Amino acid sequence: MTSSAQPPDRQAALEALARAAYSLSAADARLRGRATRTPGALSLTHARALRVLAERGPLSIAELAAGVETTSPAATQLVNGLARAGYVDRRPDPANRRAVRVSLTPEGRERHRSRERALSGALDTALAELGGQDITVATEVLIRLGAIYDEL
């Protein structure tokens, strides 16, 4: 990737990547904090849930949990918060009367679209000097970091 400050060797580059990963994790924690204190703010988990529901339509809690990469109890809490914000509805599942299906409300769909536009614009601006190949490499690095975190 293009950078004005390139580490001199592989070990230094890996150490810089580890520091950047910790910094990204801290930024995510700050975002989660804002989402709990600021009306209308969305954590990354909330945003993922809205994206999954926008892409896949109504889902059971278990299906949503799988799509968001969390547990069913955590997905239930997530849905509770999104329902309080007016972004999702819960309806009985016609195939299983003990279960519910979660779907986006019109407000939730618009909030998802708004968040996606904001993220797309921010990425485009912040990464304007990078080409498609650089962004593809960055994407692969993030995917691999996710796998590493799952193994720790």
C-alpha atoms as a PDB file:
ATOM      1  CA  MET A   1       0.000   0.000   0.000  1.00  0.00           C
ATOM      2  CA  THR A   2       1.087   3.533  -0.582  1.00  0.00           C
ATOM      3  CA  SER A   3       2.263   5.330   2.537  1.00  0.00           C
ATOM      4  CA  SER A   4       4.465   8.307   3.326  1.00  0.00           C
ATOM      5  CA  ALA A   5       6.038   6.539   6.333  1.00  0.00           C
ATOM      6  CA  GLN A   6       7.017   3.017   5.325  1.00  0.00           C
ATOM      7  CA  PRO A   7       8.655   0.852   7.999  1.00  0.00           C
ATOM      8  CA  PRO A   8      12.182  -0.253   7.037  1.00  0.00           C
ATOM      9  CA  ASP A   9      11.671  -3.997   7.450  1.00  0.00           C
ATOM     10  CA  ARG A  10       9.066  -6.740   7.822  1.00  0.00           C
ATOM     11  CA  GLN A  11       9.261  -6.933  11.628  1.00  0.00           C
ATOM     12  CA  ALA A  12       8.818  -3.186  11.980  1.00  0.00           C
ATOM     13  CA  ALA A  13       5.926  -3.326   9.502  1.00  0.00           C
ATOM     14  CA  LEU A  14       4.239  -6.118  11.493  1.00  0.00           C
ATOM     15  CA  GLU A  15       4.678  -4.149  14.719  1.00  0.00           C
ATOM     16  CA  ALA A  16       3.142  -1.085  13.067  1.00  0.00           C
ATOM     17  CA  LEU A  17       0.232  -3.244  11.863  1.00  0.00           C
ATOM     18  CA  ALA A  18      -0.299  -4.606  15.394  1.00  0.00           C
ATOM     19  CA  ARG A  19      -0.368  -1.048  16.797  1.00  0.00           C
ATOM     20  CA  ALA A  20      -2.818  -0.002  14.079  1.00  0.00           C
ATOM     21  CA  ALA A  21      -5.027  -3.010  14.895  1.00  0.00           C
ATOM     22  CA  TYR A  22      -5.077  -2.010  18.582  1.00  0.00           C
ATOM     23  CA  SER A  23      -5.922   1.541  17.539  1.00  0.00           C
ATOM     24  CA  LEU A  24      -8.790   0.287  15.354  1.00  0.00           C
ATOM     25  CA  SER A  25     -10.108  -1.765  18.268  1.00  0.00           C
ATOM     26  CA  ALA A  26      -9.961   1.301  20.523  1.00  0.00           C
ATOM     27  CA  ALA A  27     -11.825   3.362  17.911  1.00  0.00           C
ATOM     28  CA  ASP A  28     -14.508   0.653  17.794  1.00  0.00           C
ATOM     29  CA  ALA A  29     -14.832   0.815  21.596  1.00  0.00           C
ATOM     30  CA  ARG A  30     -15.228   4.608  21.432  1.00  0.00           C
ATOM     31  CA  LEU A  31     -17.871   4.194  18.740  1.00  0.00           C
ATOM     32  CA  ARG A  32     -19.738   1.667  20.907  1.00  0.00           C
ATOM     33  CA  GLY A  33     -19.597   4.148  23.788  1.00  0.00           C
ATOM     34  CA  ARG A  34     -21.034   6.941  21.634  1.00  0.00           C
ATOM     35  CA  ALA A  35     -23.777   4.585  20.442  1.00  0.00           C
ATOM     36  CA  THR A  36     -24.887   4.024  24.040  1.00  0.00           C
ATOM     37  CA  ARG A  37     -24.850   7.745  24.927  1.00  0.00           C
ATOM     38  CA  THR A  38     -25.903   9.527  21.744  1.00  0.00           C
ATOM     39  CA  PRO A  39     -29.389   9.235  20.267  1.00  0.00           C
ATOM     40  CA  GLY A  40     -29.200   8.012  16.680  1.00  0.00           C
ATOM     41  CA  ALA A  41     -25.570   6.863  16.907  1.00  0.00           C
ATOM     42  CA  LEU A  42     -24.906   3.340  15.692  1.00  0.00           C
ATOM     43  CA  SER A  43     -22.183   0.985  16.826  1.00  0.00           C
ATOM     44  CA  LEU A  44     -20.552  -1.198  14.202  1.00  0.00           C
ATOM     45  CA  THR A  45     -22.600  -4.110  15.537  1.00  0.00           C
ATOM     46  CA  HIS A  46     -25.831  -2.141  15.123  1.00  0.00           C
ATOM     47  CA  ALA A  47     -24.793  -1.124  11.617  1.00  0.00           C
ATOM     48  CA  ARG A  48     -23.930  -4.757  10.738  1.00  0.00           C
ATOM     49  CA  ALA A  49     -27.357  -5.866  11.952  1.00  0.00           C
ATOM     50  CA  LEU A  50     -29.095  -3.257   9.802  1.00  0.00           C
ATOM     51  CA  ARG A  51     -26.954  -4.278   6.803  1.00  0.00           C
ATOM     52  CA  VAL A  52     -27.707  -7.976   7.276  1.00  0.00           C
ATOM     53  CA  LEU A  53     -31.433  -7.297   7.559  1.00  0.00           C
ATOM     54  CA  ALA A  54     -31.347  -5.006   4.497  1.00  0.00           C
ATOM     55  CA  GLU A  55     -29.553  -7.668   2.456  1.00  0.00           C
ATOM     56  CA  ARG A  56     -31.410 -10.773   3.645  1.00  0.00           C
ATOM     57  CA  GLY A  57     -34.844  -9.590   4.697  1.00  0.00           C
ATOM     58  CA  PRO A  58     -36.691 -10.784   7.799  1.00  0.00           C
ATOM     59  CA  LEU A  59     -34.607 -13.180   9.908  1.00  0.00           C
ATOM     60  CA  SER A  60     -34.934 -15.190  13.067  1.00  0.00           C
ATOM     61  CA  ILE A  61     -32.767 -14.148  15.999  1.00  0.00           C
ATOM     62  CA  ALA A  62     -30.467 -17.125  15.322  1.00  0.00           C
ATOM     63  CA  GLU A  63     -30.129 -16.196  11.639  1.00  0.00           C
ATOM     64  CA  LEU A  64     -29.430 -12.573  12.532  1.00  0.00           C
ATOM     65  CA  ALA A  65     -26.871 -13.668  15.135  1.00  0.00           C
ATOM     66  CA  ALA A  66     -25.070 -15.738  12.508  1.00  0.00           C
ATOM     67  CA  GLY A  67     -25.116 -12.861  10.025  1.00  0.00           C
ATOM     68  CA  VAL A  68     -23.808 -10.383  12.592  1.00  0.00           C
ATOM     69  CA  GLU A  69     -21.278 -12.937  13.882  1.00  0.00           C
ATOM     70  CA  THR A  70     -22.487 -12.929  17.471  1.00  0.00           C
ATOM     71  CA  THR A  71     -24.462 -15.139  19.845  1.00  0.00           C
ATOM     72  CA  SER A  72     -28.249 -15.434  19.968  1.00  0.00           C
ATOM     73  CA  PRO A  73     -28.445 -13.816  23.443  1.00  0.00           C
ATOM     74  CA  ALA A  74     -26.321 -10.888  22.205  1.00  0.00           C
ATOM     75  CA  ALA A  75     -28.487 -10.636  19.074  1.00  0.00           C
ATOM     76  CA  THR A  76     -31.587 -10.491  21.280  1.00  0.00           C
ATOM     77  CA  GLN A  77     -30.116  -7.516  23.176  1.00  0.00           C
ATOM     78  CA  LEU A  78     -29.106  -5.944  19.879  1.00  0.00           C
ATOM     79  CA  VAL A  79     -32.651  -6.336  18.511  1.00  0.00           C
ATOM     80  CA  ASN A  80     -34.086  -4.864  21.725  1.00  0.00           C
ATOM     81  CA  GLY A  81     -32.011  -1.721  21.254  1.00  0.00           C
ATOM     82  CA  LEU A  82     -32.791  -1.448  17.552  1.00  0.00           C
ATOM     83  CA  ALA A  83     -36.506  -1.932  18.268  1.00  0.00           C
ATOM     84  CA  ARG A  84     -36.426   0.839  20.916  1.00  0.00           C
ATOM     85  CA  ALA A  85     -34.834   3.116  18.304  1.00  0.00           C
ATOM     86  CA  GLY A  86     -37.623   2.217  15.856  1.00  0.00           C
ATOM     87  CA  TYR A  87     -35.260   0.542  13.360  1.00  0.00           C
ATOM     88  CA  VAL A  88     -36.639  -3.007  13.519  1.00  0.00           C
ATOM     89  CA  ASP A  89     -39.904  -4.827  14.105  1.00  0.00           C
ATOM     90  CA  ARG A  90     -40.377  -8.230  15.683  1.00  0.00           C
ATOM     91  CA  ARG A  91     -43.234 -10.383  14.465  1.00  0.00           C
ATOM     92  CA  PRO A  92     -44.205 -13.958  15.254  1.00  0.00           C
ATOM     93  CA  ASP A  93     -42.595 -16.518  12.975  1.00  0.00           C
ATOM     94  CA  PRO A  94     -45.402 -18.290  11.108  1.00  0.00           C
ATOM     95  CA  ALA A  95     -43.297 -21.461  10.930  1.00  0.00           C
ATOM     96  CA  ASN A  96     -42.466 -21.519  14.670  1.00  0.00           C
ATOM     97  CA  ARG A  97     -44.866 -19.894  17.100  1.00  0.00           C
ATOM     98  CA  ARG A  98     -42.162 -19.706  19.807  1.00  0.00           C
ATOM     99  CA  ALA A  99     -39.845 -17.674  17.573  1.00  0.00           C
ATOM    100  CA  VAL A 100     -39.899 -14.201  16.055  1.00  0.00           C
ATOM    101  CA  ARG A 101     -38.791 -12.761  12.726  1.00  0.00           C
ATOM    102  CA  VAL A 102     -36.922  -9.476  12.792  1.00  0.00           C
ATOM    103  CA  SER A 103     -37.262  -7.011   9.913  1.00  0.00           C
ATOM    104  CA  LEU A 104     -36.300  -3.446   9.163  1.00  0.00           C
ATOM    105  CA  THR A 105     -38.835  -0.686   9.577  1.00  0.00           C
ATOM    106  CA  PRO A 106     -38.856   2.101   6.987  1.00  0.00           C
ATOM    107  CA  GLU A 107     -36.870   4.178   9.526  1.00  0.00           C
ATOM    108  CA  GLY A 108     -34.373   1.339   9.893  1.00  0.00           C
ATOM    109  CA  ARG A 109     -33.968   1.007   6.140  1.00  0.00           C
ATOM    110  CA  GLU A 110     -33.341   4.751   5.812  1.00  0.00           C
ATOM    111  CA  ARG A 111     -30.901   4.717   8.758  1.00  0.00           C
ATOM    112  CA  HIS A 112     -29.036   1.850   7.079  1.00  0.00           C
ATOM    113  CA  ARG A 113     -28.871   3.729   3.766  1.00  0.00           C
ATOM    114  CA  SER A 114     -27.706   6.886   5.516  1.00  0.00           C
ATOM    115  CA  ARG A 115     -24.996   5.006   7.402  1.00  0.00           C
ATOM    116  CA  GLU A 116     -23.818   3.248   4.232  1.00  0.00           C
ATOM    117  CA  ARG A 117     -23.609   6.582   2.371  1.00  0.00           C
ATOM    118  CA  ALA A 118     -21.635   8.143   5.230  1.00  0.00           C
ATOM    119  CA  LEU A 119     -19.238   5.192   5.436  1.00  0.00           C
ATOM    120  CA  SER A 120     -18.761   5.066   1.671  1.00  0.00           C
ATOM    121  CA  GLY A 121     -18.030   8.787   1.531  1.00  0.00           C
ATOM    122  CA  ALA A 122     -15.631   8.648   4.466  1.00  0.00           C
ATOM    123  CA  LEU A 123     -13.742   5.705   2.959  1.00  0.00           C
ATOM    124  CA  ASP A 124     -13.568   7.381  -0.432  1.00  0.00           C
ATOM    125  CA  THR A 125     -12.187  10.583   1.093  1.00  0.00           C
ATOM    126  CA  ALA A 126      -9.774   8.957   3.536  1.00  0.00           C
ATOM    127  CA  LEU A 127      -8.404   6.526   0.950  1.00  0.00           C
ATOM    128  CA  ALA A 128      -8.472   8.826  -2.094  1.00  0.00           C
ATOM    129  CA  GLU A 129      -4.764   8.350  -2.827  1.00  0.00           C
ATOM    130  CA  LEU A 130      -5.030   4.556  -2.834  1.00  0.00           C
ATOM    131  CA  GLY A 131      -5.794   2.525  -5.931  1.00  0.00           C
ATOM    132  CA  GLY A 132      -8.027  -0.510  -6.198  1.00  0.00           C
ATOM    133  CA  GLN A 133      -5.107  -2.916  -5.688  1.00  0.00           C
ATOM    134  CA  ASP A 134      -4.095  -1.173  -2.443  1.00  0.00           C
ATOM    135  CA  ILE A 135      -7.661  -1.288  -1.162  1.00  0.00           C
ATOM    136  CA  THR A 136      -7.917  -4.983  -2.080  1.00  0.00           C
ATOM    137  CA  VAL A 137      -4.746  -5.699  -0.081  1.00  0.00           C
ATOM    138  CA  ALA A 138      -6.088  -3.702   2.873  1.00  0.00           C
ATOM    139  CA  THR A 139      -9.325  -5.669   2.716  1.00  0.00           C
ATOM    140  CA  GLU A 140      -7.416  -8.950   2.807  1.00  0.00           C
ATOM    141  CA  VAL A 141      -5.364  -7.753   5.774  1.00  0.00           C
ATOM    142  CA  LEU A 142      -8.537  -6.865   7.697  1.00  0.00           C
ATOM    143  CA  ILE A 143     -10.078 -10.255   6.909  1.00  0.00           C
ATOM    144  CA  ARG A 144      -6.942 -12.003   8.144  1.00  0.00           C
ATOM    145  CA  LEU A 145      -6.865  -9.864  11.289  1.00  0.00           C
ATOM    146  CA  GLY A 146     -10.439 -10.944  12.001  1.00  0.00           C
ATOM    147  CA  ALA A 147      -9.379 -14.577  11.699  1.00  0.00           C
ATOM    148  CA  ILE A 148      -6.387 -13.960  13.994  1.00  0.00           C
ATOM    149  CA  TYR A 149      -8.640 -12.334  16.600  1.00  0.00           C
ATOM    150  CA  ASP A 150     -10.946 -15.354  16.470  1.00  0.00           C
ATOM    151  CA  GLU A 151      -7.964 -17.580  17.310  1.00  0.00           C
ATOM    152  CA  LEU A 152      -6.605 -15.511  20.235  1.00  0.00           C
END
